[in-house]
Amino acid sequence: MGAAAVRSGKRVAEISGLAERAARAASGFASLGIGAGDVVAVYLRNDFPFFEASAAAGLVGAYSTPVNWHNSPDEARYIFENSGAKAIVIHADLWRGIEKALPKNVPVFVVETPAEIVSAYGLSAEAAKLPAGTQDWGQWLAQFPPITAGPAEAPGSMIYTSGTTGHPKGVRRAAPTAEQAAAWGQVVGTVMGFSPEYGEPQNMVTVVTGPMYHSAPNAYGLFAFRVGANVILQPRFDPEELLQMIDTYKVTHLHMVPTMFVRLLKLPDEVKKKYDLSSLRFVVHAAAPCPVHVKQAMIAWWGPVINEYYGGTETGAVVFCNSEQYLKHPGTVGKAVQGAKVMVLGENGEELAAGATGEIVCRIPAIPDFTYHGDDEKRRKAEKAGLIALGDIGYLDEDGFLYLCDRAKDMVISGGVNIYPAEIEAELHKMPGVGDCAVFGIPDEEFGESLCAVVQQQPGAGLSEADVKAFLRERVAGYKVPKRVEFQNDLPREDSGKIFKRKLREPYWQQAGRQI
């Protein structure tokens, strides 16, 4: 295999060349006075400059802050201002969407939107071009010599959390010491498969399937780049295209979310059999609970290469399991990784025994602690029993394996009874004709909250509300059967495929004049 490279569409760039461009951009940032503790905002889809700008920020001791490009102009403006970004790197078509939100006194560098992204998102050729009067990223960095040296360890990315209530907050860590960086590298290597047992990095090939403004794809993509693995950027997730990429480029590593598994499994058998997937060595998924039958089906299809981890932007990955462990403990998200502490707490903050459901708290003391940028109070509230609460409900079994029940904010309290929508969604995923679904709480005068299910049907399924309720009555307790079932052709999603449940839930609460 030749020199390690990043591929996007028909374009290929060696990692060494991208690293040199990053070093030039770092000199440029330094000329603007950007240094340790500052922020460079990266408002890009997955593209070569994403790696360049992120690495360049680190070379001057600054944070790279990837920004969700689905944001409205007001949402984008908030992050630019709250983070105190000293520079912004942005794709041309995205610039056009938020031009008025860009700070007037901050340098903005624009990247022409490449053809594969234009095609994947149905953009116009005109939108992809550099807007008149803007500064071209590539031309700007080319005028600077590569920086001669950077900090021993870069501070990494400052990721803004999703902001389910109020504005999102930036999760920020100090630059790690050498010991902390080694501990962090060991955890990442374990849970993402970039470790010696899977070969030399230059022989590894991965596809970045999710947008790198998300915490997990950001960590995964940048770590693969940093260790020198071959990286393929998929502009937008398409299940058959991914199979084709695995076959064509002999992909060894993947990072995925469960929704991608669901879409892959729904491909016709003749499509699944067209492609050789034998090159896969380490596939890991995270970010959302995976229904047991989906995980088991993926292991049966792809073999014992499926791994899983759980954690958060604030903590990193704290538990991990491989296929063998999962099949012995169906439904688990893993067991504590080396150095991690994981507990389940009751309502009064007491540690619960194995099998008891409560709030999950966790931490890896050996890695740098975090702050919420500009919000020390929220940081204090996140800490419980010396660990960090990520907002998830679950339990530990007798062997120390962790199981998730639901997000604390998604838990529905109906007539004083706690109901976990994820359990009901897992059953609905088994129903013939159901493409996807979301279950959540809506206002109920008698019970406080009741359950609503929104179902996306497969083409031609012809399901009715009565069908869905009858299916569930045979599988869950009566009080868990949604009181209301609705159907939508398309559920609102993030680009990773995860459902924006908040967008489904909000109208019901707004109509009732209540906040969630």
Protein backbone atom coordinates (compact mmCIF):
# COMPACT_ATOMS: atom_id res chain seq x y z
CA MET A 1 0.00 0.00 0.00
CA GLY A 2 1.29 3.49 -0.83
CA ALA A 3 1.44 6.57 1.34
CA ALA A 4 -1.56 7.04 3.65
CA ALA A 5 -4.15 9.36 2.14
CA VAL A 6 -7.59 10.90 2.51
CA ARG A 7 -10.07 10.27 -0.29
CA SER A 8 -13.27 12.18 -1.06
CA GLY A 9 -15.12 11.37 -4.27
CA LYS A 10 -12.55 11.33 -7.07
CA ARG A 11 -10.07 13.44 -5.10
CA VAL A 12 -7.15 11.93 -3.17
CA ALA A 13 -4.70 13.80 -0.94
CA GLU A 14 -1.78 12.25 0.90
CA ILE A 15 -1.87 12.84 4.64
CA SER A 16 1.65 14.28 4.50
CA GLY A 17 0.44 16.93 2.04
CA LEU A 18 -2.57 17.84 4.19
CA ALA A 19 -0.28 18.03 7.22
CA GLU A 20 1.98 20.48 5.40
CA ARG A 21 -1.03 22.64 4.48
CA ALA A 22 -2.10 22.52 8.12
CA ALA A 23 1.37 23.72 9.16
CA ARG A 24 1.11 26.62 6.69
CA ALA A 25 -2.35 27.52 7.98
CA ALA A 26 -0.97 27.43 11.53
CA SER A 27 1.60 30.06 10.55
CA GLY A 28 -1.27 32.08 9.10
CA PHE A 29 -3.29 31.76 12.30
CA ALA A 30 -0.27 32.83 14.33
CA SER A 31 0.09 35.92 12.11
CA LEU A 32 -3.48 36.84 13.11
CA GLY A 33 -2.57 36.60 16.78
CA ILE A 34 -4.34 33.27 17.32
CA GLY A 35 -2.64 31.24 20.01
CA ALA A 36 -3.04 29.06 23.09
CA GLY A 37 -6.61 28.88 24.36
CA ASP A 38 -8.17 30.64 21.37
CA VAL A 39 -10.81 29.10 19.09
CA VAL A 40 -11.00 28.44 15.35
CA ALA A 41 -14.56 27.64 14.20
CA VAL A 42 -14.83 24.94 11.53
CA TYR A 43 -18.12 25.27 9.64
CA LEU A 44 -17.43 22.58 7.08
CA ARG A 45 -18.86 19.35 5.82
CA ASN A 46 -16.42 16.42 5.81
CA ASP A 47 -13.68 17.61 3.46
CA PHE A 48 -9.89 17.94 3.31
CA PRO A 49 -9.90 21.44 4.85
CA PHE A 50 -11.70 20.05 7.91
CA PHE A 51 -8.49 18.17 8.75
CA GLU A 52 -6.29 21.10 7.76
CA ALA A 53 -8.10 23.70 9.86
CA SER A 54 -8.49 21.40 12.89
CA ALA A 55 -4.82 20.40 12.86
CA ALA A 56 -3.70 23.99 12.26
CA ALA A 57 -5.60 25.20 15.32
CA GLY A 58 -3.86 22.58 17.45
CA LEU A 59 -0.45 23.60 16.12
CA VAL A 60 -0.87 27.05 17.67
CA GLY A 61 -2.41 25.70 20.89
CA ALA A 62 -5.94 26.73 19.92
CA TYR A 63 -9.16 24.73 20.01
CA SER A 64 -10.96 23.75 16.85
CA THR A 65 -14.71 24.10 17.27
CA PRO A 66 -16.71 22.16 14.67
CA VAL A 67 -20.12 23.77 14.18
CA ASN A 68 -23.28 21.90 13.17
CA TRP A 69 -23.99 23.21 9.67
CA HIS A 70 -27.69 22.40 10.07
CA ASN A 71 -27.86 25.39 12.41
CA SER A 72 -30.08 28.36 11.71
CA PRO A 73 -28.22 31.67 11.30
CA ASP A 74 -29.12 32.65 14.86
CA GLU A 75 -27.86 29.33 16.23
CA ALA A 76 -24.62 29.68 14.29
CA ARG A 77 -24.17 33.27 15.45
CA TYR A 78 -24.56 32.16 19.08
CA ILE A 79 -21.74 29.61 18.78
CA PHE A 80 -19.41 31.99 16.94
CA GLU A 81 -19.94 34.62 19.63
CA ASN A 82 -20.07 32.32 22.66
CA SER A 83 -16.89 30.47 21.67
CA GLY A 84 -15.05 33.73 20.95
CA ALA A 85 -13.90 32.31 17.60
CA LYS A 86 -10.86 34.19 16.26
CA ALA A 87 -11.26 32.72 12.73
CA ILE A 88 -13.91 30.82 10.77
CA VAL A 89 -13.35 28.30 7.96
CA ILE A 90 -16.52 27.59 5.97
CA HIS A 91 -17.77 25.95 2.77
CA ALA A 92 -19.05 28.32 0.08
CA ASP A 93 -22.63 27.05 0.02
CA LEU A 94 -22.83 27.19 3.83
CA TRP A 95 -21.45 30.73 3.80
CA ARG A 96 -24.38 31.78 1.65
CA GLY A 97 -26.83 30.36 4.17
CA ILE A 98 -25.46 32.19 7.22
CA GLU A 99 -23.66 35.21 5.75
CA LYS A 100 -25.54 37.64 8.00
CA ALA A 101 -24.62 35.63 11.10
CA LEU A 102 -20.87 35.88 10.52
CA PRO A 103 -19.11 38.25 12.95
CA LYS A 104 -17.89 41.40 11.21
CA ASN A 105 -14.52 41.56 12.98
CA VAL A 106 -13.47 37.90 12.58
CA PRO A 107 -11.46 36.63 9.57
CA VAL A 108 -13.53 34.21 7.46
CA PHE A 109 -11.88 31.77 5.06
CA VAL A 110 -14.08 30.14 2.44
CA VAL A 111 -13.65 26.73 0.80
CA GLU A 112 -15.18 25.98 -2.58
CA THR A 113 -17.73 23.20 -2.06
CA PRO A 114 -16.42 20.08 -3.88
CA ALA A 115 -18.34 18.21 -6.56
CA GLU A 116 -19.10 15.11 -4.48
CA ILE A 117 -20.77 17.21 -1.77
CA VAL A 118 -22.66 19.23 -4.38
CA SER A 119 -23.99 15.97 -5.82
CA ALA A 120 -24.81 14.35 -2.46
CA TYR A 121 -26.83 17.32 -1.24
CA GLY A 122 -28.37 18.43 -4.53
CA LEU A 123 -26.67 21.83 -4.45
CA SER A 124 -26.41 24.19 -7.38
CA ALA A 125 -23.07 24.73 -9.10
CA GLU A 126 -23.37 28.44 -8.37
CA ALA A 127 -23.77 27.87 -4.61
CA ALA A 128 -20.54 25.86 -4.57
CA LYS A 129 -18.42 28.67 -5.99
CA LEU A 130 -16.41 31.09 -3.91
CA PRO A 131 -18.60 34.15 -3.17
CA ALA A 132 -17.28 37.42 -4.54
CA GLY A 133 -15.05 39.32 -2.15
CA THR A 134 -14.34 36.39 0.17
CA GLN A 135 -10.95 35.00 1.15
CA ASP A 136 -10.08 31.65 -0.41
CA TRP A 137 -8.77 29.24 2.26
CA GLY A 138 -6.27 27.51 -0.01
CA GLN A 139 -4.84 30.69 -1.49
CA TRP A 140 -4.53 32.28 1.94
CA LEU A 141 -2.61 29.45 3.62
CA ALA A 142 -0.30 28.95 0.60
CA GLN A 143 1.45 32.28 1.26
CA PHE A 144 2.79 31.17 4.67
CA PRO A 145 5.74 28.89 5.47
CA PRO A 146 4.97 25.79 7.54
CA ILE A 147 5.13 26.44 11.26
CA THR A 148 8.34 25.05 12.71
CA ALA A 149 6.92 23.63 15.95
CA GLY A 150 3.69 23.41 17.89
CA PRO A 151 2.75 22.55 21.47
CA ALA A 152 3.71 19.11 22.75
CA GLU A 153 0.01 18.21 22.98
CA ALA A 154 -2.84 20.11 21.31
CA PRO A 155 -5.98 20.90 23.33
CA GLY A 156 -8.21 19.20 20.73
CA SER A 157 -11.76 20.09 19.75
CA MET A 158 -14.21 22.12 21.79
CA ILE A 159 -17.51 20.44 20.94
CA TYR A 160 -20.83 22.15 21.57
CA THR A 161 -23.38 19.84 23.14
CA SER A 162 -26.80 19.46 21.55
CA GLY A 163 -28.67 22.00 23.62
CA THR A 164 -31.93 20.13 24.25
CA THR A 165 -32.79 22.85 26.76
CA GLY A 166 -31.49 26.36 26.19
CA HIS A 167 -28.31 27.11 24.28
CA PRO A 168 -25.69 24.41 23.72
CA LYS A 169 -22.51 24.57 25.80
CA GLY A 170 -18.95 24.09 24.65
CA VAL A 171 -17.13 21.16 26.27
CA ARG A 172 -13.57 22.32 26.76
CA ARG A 173 -10.50 20.55 28.14
CA ALA A 174 -7.05 21.86 28.94
CA ALA A 175 -4.23 20.61 26.74
CA PRO A 176 -3.24 17.22 28.15
CA THR A 177 0.04 16.37 29.75
CA ALA A 178 2.12 13.65 28.09
CA GLU A 179 0.76 11.11 30.61
CA GLN A 180 -2.85 12.19 30.01
CA ALA A 181 -2.36 12.09 26.25
CA ALA A 182 -1.00 8.54 26.53
CA ALA A 183 -3.98 7.45 28.66
CA TRP A 184 -6.40 9.07 26.24
CA GLY A 185 -4.65 7.50 23.25
CA GLN A 186 -4.90 4.07 24.86
CA VAL A 187 -8.65 4.44 25.41
CA VAL A 188 -9.26 5.71 21.89
CA GLY A 189 -7.06 3.03 20.39
CA THR A 190 -9.01 0.35 22.24
CA VAL A 191 -12.54 1.52 21.48
CA MET A 192 -11.87 2.61 17.90
CA GLY A 193 -9.56 -0.20 16.86
CA PHE A 194 -6.47 1.88 16.08
CA SER A 195 -4.17 -0.41 18.05
CA PRO A 196 -1.23 -2.66 17.05
CA GLU A 197 -3.29 -5.86 17.10
CA TYR A 198 -5.09 -4.59 13.99
CA GLY A 199 -1.89 -3.82 12.10
CA GLU A 200 0.10 -0.74 11.15
CA PRO A 201 -1.93 2.45 10.65
CA GLN A 202 -0.84 2.86 7.02
CA ASN A 203 -2.50 -0.51 6.28
CA MET A 204 -5.77 0.52 7.90
CA VAL A 205 -8.59 1.91 5.75
CA THR A 206 -11.65 3.58 7.23
CA VAL A 207 -14.73 5.39 5.99
CA VAL A 208 -15.95 8.40 7.98
CA THR A 209 -19.70 7.89 7.64
CA GLY A 210 -21.01 10.64 9.94
CA PRO A 211 -20.55 14.42 10.00
CA MET A 212 -17.48 15.45 11.96
CA TYR A 213 -19.28 18.26 13.75
CA HIS A 214 -20.55 15.42 15.98
CA SER A 215 -18.33 14.50 18.90
CA ALA A 216 -17.76 10.81 18.03
CA PRO A 217 -17.09 11.16 14.26
CA ASN A 218 -14.90 14.17 15.07
CA ALA A 219 -12.75 12.20 17.51
CA TYR A 220 -12.70 9.18 15.22
CA GLY A 221 -11.87 11.01 11.98
CA LEU A 222 -9.20 13.24 13.49
CA PHE A 223 -7.58 10.36 15.40
CA ALA A 224 -7.45 8.22 12.23
CA PHE A 225 -5.84 11.15 10.41
CA ARG A 226 -3.35 11.78 13.21
CA VAL A 227 -2.16 8.17 13.44
CA GLY A 228 -1.78 7.95 9.65
CA ALA A 229 -4.61 5.62 8.65
CA ASN A 230 -6.21 5.86 5.21
CA VAL A 231 -9.46 7.82 5.44
CA ILE A 232 -12.37 7.85 2.99
CA LEU A 233 -15.00 10.56 3.39
CA GLN A 234 -18.55 9.56 2.53
CA PRO A 235 -20.33 12.85 1.75
CA ARG A 236 -23.68 11.53 2.95
CA PHE A 237 -24.50 8.11 4.32
CA ASP A 238 -25.92 5.70 1.76
CA PRO A 239 -26.05 2.02 2.74
CA GLU A 240 -25.28 0.42 -0.61
CA GLU A 241 -22.59 2.98 -1.39
CA LEU A 242 -20.90 2.04 1.89
CA LEU A 243 -20.90 -1.65 0.95
CA GLN A 244 -19.40 -0.72 -2.41
CA MET A 245 -16.67 1.32 -0.69
CA ILE A 246 -15.82 -1.56 1.64
CA ASP A 247 -15.49 -3.89 -1.35
CA THR A 248 -13.58 -1.47 -3.60
CA TYR A 249 -11.13 -0.02 -1.07
CA LYS A 250 -10.82 -3.05 1.23
CA VAL A 251 -12.00 -1.09 4.23
CA THR A 252 -10.78 -2.44 7.58
CA HIS A 253 -12.31 -0.03 10.12
CA LEU A 254 -15.67 1.73 10.53
CA HIS A 255 -17.41 3.94 13.07
CA MET A 256 -21.21 3.84 12.80
CA VAL A 257 -24.51 4.55 14.55
CA PRO A 258 -27.36 2.02 14.93
CA THR A 259 -29.59 3.79 12.39
CA MET A 260 -27.00 2.92 9.76
CA PHE A 261 -27.25 -0.75 10.75
CA VAL A 262 -31.03 -0.62 10.35
CA ARG A 263 -30.73 0.86 6.87
CA LEU A 264 -28.08 -1.67 5.86
CA LEU A 265 -30.18 -4.61 7.05
CA LYS A 266 -33.16 -3.42 5.02
CA LEU A 267 -31.24 -3.69 1.75
CA PRO A 268 -32.48 -6.52 -0.50
CA ASP A 269 -30.59 -9.79 -0.06
CA GLU A 270 -29.33 -9.65 -3.63
CA VAL A 271 -27.71 -6.26 -2.89
CA LYS A 272 -26.09 -7.52 0.32
CA LYS A 273 -24.56 -10.48 -1.51
CA LYS A 274 -23.02 -8.35 -4.28
CA TYR A 275 -20.16 -7.03 -2.16
CA ASP A 276 -17.12 -8.63 -0.51
CA LEU A 277 -16.91 -7.43 3.11
CA SER A 278 -14.16 -9.80 4.24
CA SER A 279 -11.63 -6.97 4.68
CA LEU A 280 -13.50 -5.63 7.75
CA ARG A 281 -11.56 -6.08 10.98
CA PHE A 282 -13.03 -3.59 13.45
CA VAL A 283 -16.47 -1.97 13.26
CA VAL A 284 -17.56 0.10 16.24
CA HIS A 285 -20.83 1.85 16.94
CA ALA A 286 -22.07 4.31 19.55
CA ALA A 287 -24.22 7.46 20.01
CA ALA A 288 -27.59 5.71 20.49
CA PRO A 289 -28.97 2.43 21.87
CA CYS A 290 -28.99 -0.42 19.35
CA PRO A 291 -31.96 -2.82 19.37
CA VAL A 292 -30.80 -6.32 20.30
CA HIS A 293 -32.18 -7.97 17.16
CA VAL A 294 -30.43 -5.39 14.97
CA LYS A 295 -27.06 -5.94 16.66
CA GLN A 296 -27.41 -9.72 16.50
CA ALA A 297 -28.33 -9.53 12.81
CA MET A 298 -25.28 -7.39 12.03
CA ILE A 299 -22.96 -9.82 13.84
CA ALA A 300 -24.53 -12.71 11.93
CA TRP A 301 -23.97 -10.87 8.63
CA TRP A 302 -20.58 -9.17 9.12
CA GLY A 303 -19.11 -11.59 11.64
CA PRO A 304 -17.61 -10.95 15.10
CA VAL A 305 -16.10 -7.61 14.08
CA ILE A 306 -18.88 -5.49 15.62
CA ASN A 307 -17.85 -3.56 18.74
CA GLU A 308 -19.60 -0.95 20.85
CA TYR A 309 -18.74 1.78 23.32
CA TYR A 310 -20.65 4.23 25.46
CA GLY A 311 -19.68 7.62 26.82
CA GLY A 312 -20.22 11.29 26.24
CA THR A 313 -18.54 14.42 24.95
CA GLU A 314 -17.76 15.26 28.55
CA THR A 315 -16.22 11.89 29.50
CA GLY A 316 -15.01 10.16 26.37
CA ALA A 317 -15.68 6.43 26.01
CA VAL A 318 -16.08 4.77 29.42
CA VAL A 319 -17.34 1.27 28.56
CA PHE A 320 -16.68 -1.11 25.66
CA CYS A 321 -17.66 -4.57 24.48
CA ASN A 322 -16.78 -6.81 21.55
CA SER A 323 -19.10 -9.19 19.70
CA GLU A 324 -18.35 -12.18 21.93
CA GLN A 325 -19.11 -10.20 25.09
CA TYR A 326 -22.28 -8.81 23.58
CA LEU A 327 -23.66 -12.20 22.57
CA LYS A 328 -23.14 -13.37 26.17
CA HIS A 329 -24.75 -10.18 27.52
CA PRO A 330 -27.39 -9.17 24.92
CA GLY A 331 -28.34 -5.52 25.14
CA THR A 332 -25.23 -4.33 26.97
CA VAL A 333 -23.24 -1.31 25.85
CA GLY A 334 -20.10 -2.65 27.49
CA LYS A 335 -17.93 -2.94 30.55
CA ALA A 336 -15.70 -0.23 32.02
CA VAL A 337 -12.52 0.38 30.03
CA GLN A 338 -9.19 0.49 31.82
CA GLY A 339 -9.11 3.41 34.25
CA ALA A 340 -12.83 4.24 33.97
CA LYS A 341 -15.26 4.46 36.89
CA VAL A 342 -18.94 3.73 36.25
CA MET A 343 -21.74 3.75 38.83
CA VAL A 344 -25.55 3.80 38.92
CA LEU A 345 -27.14 6.15 41.45
CA GLY A 346 -30.57 6.20 43.09
CA GLU A 347 -32.82 9.21 43.61
CA ASN A 348 -30.93 10.24 46.74
CA GLY A 349 -27.48 9.85 45.20
CA GLU A 350 -26.81 6.45 46.71
CA GLU A 351 -24.98 3.77 44.73
CA LEU A 352 -27.38 1.09 43.56
CA ALA A 353 -26.79 -2.65 43.56
CA ALA A 354 -26.44 -4.71 40.38
CA GLY A 355 -29.69 -4.94 38.46
CA ALA A 356 -31.22 -1.77 39.94
CA THR A 357 -32.11 1.00 37.50
CA GLY A 358 -30.95 4.55 38.13
CA GLU A 359 -28.86 7.43 36.80
CA ILE A 360 -25.54 6.49 35.20
CA VAL A 361 -22.47 8.45 36.31
CA CYS A 362 -18.97 7.85 34.98
CA ARG A 363 -15.49 9.27 34.47
CA ILE A 364 -11.92 8.47 33.47
CA PRO A 365 -9.80 10.30 36.07
CA ALA A 366 -6.58 9.87 34.04
CA ILE A 367 -7.73 12.14 31.18
CA PRO A 368 -8.07 15.95 31.46
CA ASP A 369 -11.19 17.18 33.21
CA PHE A 370 -13.60 19.36 31.26
CA THR A 371 -15.44 22.62 31.76
CA TYR A 372 -18.52 23.98 30.05
CA HIS A 373 -17.20 27.10 28.33
CA GLY A 374 -18.48 30.12 30.24
CA ASP A 375 -20.85 28.10 32.45
CA ASP A 376 -19.21 26.88 35.66
CA GLU A 377 -22.60 26.35 37.28
CA LYS A 378 -23.69 23.79 34.71
CA ARG A 379 -20.35 22.03 35.16
CA ARG A 380 -20.96 21.78 38.91
CA LYS A 381 -24.43 20.35 38.35
CA ALA A 382 -23.06 17.67 36.03
CA GLU A 383 -20.93 16.16 38.80
CA LYS A 384 -22.41 13.56 41.11
CA ALA A 385 -20.51 11.32 43.53
CA GLY A 386 -17.31 12.70 42.01
CA LEU A 387 -18.33 11.39 38.59
CA ILE A 388 -20.18 12.91 35.62
CA ALA A 389 -23.88 12.43 34.88
CA LEU A 390 -24.54 12.26 31.14
CA GLY A 391 -28.33 12.15 31.46
CA ASP A 392 -28.80 8.42 30.90
CA ILE A 393 -30.81 5.87 32.87
CA GLY A 394 -29.59 2.29 33.13
CA TYR A 395 -28.18 -0.49 35.29
CA LEU A 396 -25.12 -2.71 35.77
CA ASP A 397 -25.41 -6.49 35.78
CA GLU A 398 -23.58 -8.86 38.14
CA ASP A 399 -20.62 -9.04 35.73
CA GLY A 400 -20.23 -5.26 35.56
CA PHE A 401 -21.76 -4.83 32.10
CA LEU A 402 -23.77 -1.63 31.62
CA TYR A 403 -27.25 -1.48 30.07
CA LEU A 404 -29.07 1.66 28.97
CA CYS A 405 -32.80 2.08 29.53
CA ASP A 406 -33.27 5.58 28.13
CA ARG A 407 -32.24 9.19 28.26
CA ALA A 408 -33.34 10.78 31.54
CA LYS A 409 -34.95 13.59 29.56
CA ASP A 410 -36.80 11.08 27.37
CA MET A 411 -38.19 9.11 30.29
CA VAL A 412 -41.95 9.55 30.51
CA ILE A 413 -43.70 9.72 33.89
CA SER A 414 -47.31 8.75 33.27
CA GLY A 415 -49.55 8.53 36.32
CA GLY A 416 -46.47 8.28 38.51
CA VAL A 417 -45.01 5.36 36.54
CA ASN A 418 -41.61 5.65 34.83
CA ILE A 419 -41.72 4.54 31.18
CA TYR A 420 -38.65 4.24 28.95
CA PRO A 421 -39.54 4.94 25.29
CA ALA A 422 -36.42 3.16 24.00
CA GLU A 423 -37.91 -0.17 25.14
CA ILE A 424 -41.06 0.45 23.08
CA GLU A 425 -39.08 1.67 20.08
CA ALA A 426 -37.02 -1.52 20.15
CA GLU A 427 -40.21 -3.58 19.84
CA LEU A 428 -41.63 -1.38 17.09
CA HIS A 429 -38.46 -1.87 15.04
CA LYS A 430 -39.39 -5.57 14.87
CA MET A 431 -42.80 -4.87 13.33
CA PRO A 432 -43.04 -5.65 9.60
CA GLY A 433 -43.64 -2.47 7.64
CA VAL A 434 -42.03 -0.14 10.19
CA GLY A 435 -39.14 1.78 8.65
CA ASP A 436 -38.34 3.81 11.76
CA CYS A 437 -40.10 5.23 14.78
CA ALA A 438 -39.93 7.57 17.75
CA VAL A 439 -41.82 7.30 21.04
CA PHE A 440 -42.07 10.24 23.45
CA GLY A 441 -44.22 11.88 26.08
CA ILE A 442 -46.99 14.37 25.35
CA PRO A 443 -49.19 16.35 27.77
CA ASP A 444 -52.08 14.47 29.35
CA GLU A 445 -54.57 16.18 31.68
CA GLU A 446 -55.25 13.05 33.70
CA PHE A 447 -51.84 11.34 33.83
CA GLY A 448 -49.49 14.30 33.36
CA GLU A 449 -47.90 12.62 30.37
CA SER A 450 -48.98 9.93 27.93
CA LEU A 451 -47.14 8.14 25.17
CA CYS A 452 -47.15 9.12 21.50
CA ALA A 453 -45.54 7.05 18.75
CA VAL A 454 -44.65 8.50 15.37
CA VAL A 455 -44.02 5.82 12.76
CA GLN A 456 -42.30 6.04 9.40
CA GLN A 457 -43.65 3.20 7.28
CA GLN A 458 -41.85 1.27 4.63
CA PRO A 459 -43.29 1.91 1.13
CA GLY A 460 -46.64 0.22 0.66
CA ALA A 461 -46.89 -1.06 4.24
CA GLY A 462 -50.37 0.37 4.85
CA LEU A 463 -50.18 0.20 8.65
CA SER A 464 -52.89 1.70 10.83
CA GLU A 465 -52.93 2.99 14.39
CA ALA A 466 -54.85 -0.13 15.41
CA ASP A 467 -52.21 -2.36 13.81
CA VAL A 468 -49.41 -0.72 15.77
CA LYS A 469 -51.26 -0.88 19.08
CA ALA A 470 -52.23 -4.53 18.54
CA PHE A 471 -48.61 -5.44 17.76
CA LEU A 472 -47.36 -3.77 20.91
CA ARG A 473 -50.04 -5.19 23.20
CA GLU A 474 -48.61 -8.63 22.57
CA ARG A 475 -45.10 -7.51 23.53
CA VAL A 476 -45.21 -4.84 26.24
CA ALA A 477 -47.33 -4.07 29.28
CA GLY A 478 -50.59 -2.31 28.55
CA TYR A 479 -49.49 0.97 30.12
CA LYS A 480 -46.55 1.07 27.66
CA VAL A 481 -48.79 0.99 24.56
CA PRO A 482 -48.86 4.53 23.14
CA LYS A 483 -52.14 6.33 23.57
CA ARG A 484 -51.59 8.07 20.25
CA VAL A 485 -49.99 6.76 17.05
CA GLU A 486 -49.22 8.99 14.09
CA PHE A 487 -47.52 8.40 10.76
CA GLN A 488 -45.01 10.58 8.89
CA ASN A 489 -43.31 9.94 5.57
CA ASP A 490 -40.01 11.30 6.86
CA LEU A 491 -38.90 11.73 10.44
CA PRO A 492 -36.73 14.79 11.18
CA ARG A 493 -33.11 13.68 11.38
CA GLU A 494 -29.62 14.83 11.96
CA ASP A 495 -27.25 14.09 9.09
CA SER A 496 -25.94 11.09 11.04
CA GLY A 497 -29.40 9.55 10.77
CA LYS A 498 -30.36 10.08 14.41
CA ILE A 499 -33.94 11.26 14.88
CA PHE A 500 -34.51 14.82 16.16
CA LYS A 501 -37.01 13.66 18.77
CA ARG A 502 -37.22 17.15 20.25
CA LYS A 503 -38.69 18.47 16.99
CA LEU A 504 -41.42 15.84 17.15
CA ARG A 505 -42.18 16.45 20.81
CA GLU A 506 -42.16 20.25 20.98
CA PRO A 507 -45.40 21.06 19.10
CA TYR A 508 -47.53 19.03 21.52
CA TRP A 509 -46.12 20.83 24.55
CA GLN A 510 -46.32 24.24 22.90
CA GLN A 511 -49.98 23.66 22.07
CA ALA A 512 -50.60 22.87 25.71
CA GLY A 513 -48.76 26.03 26.75
CA ARG A 514 -46.12 24.04 28.61
CA GLN A 515 -42.36 23.91 28.29
CA ILE A 516 -40.28 20.74 28.06
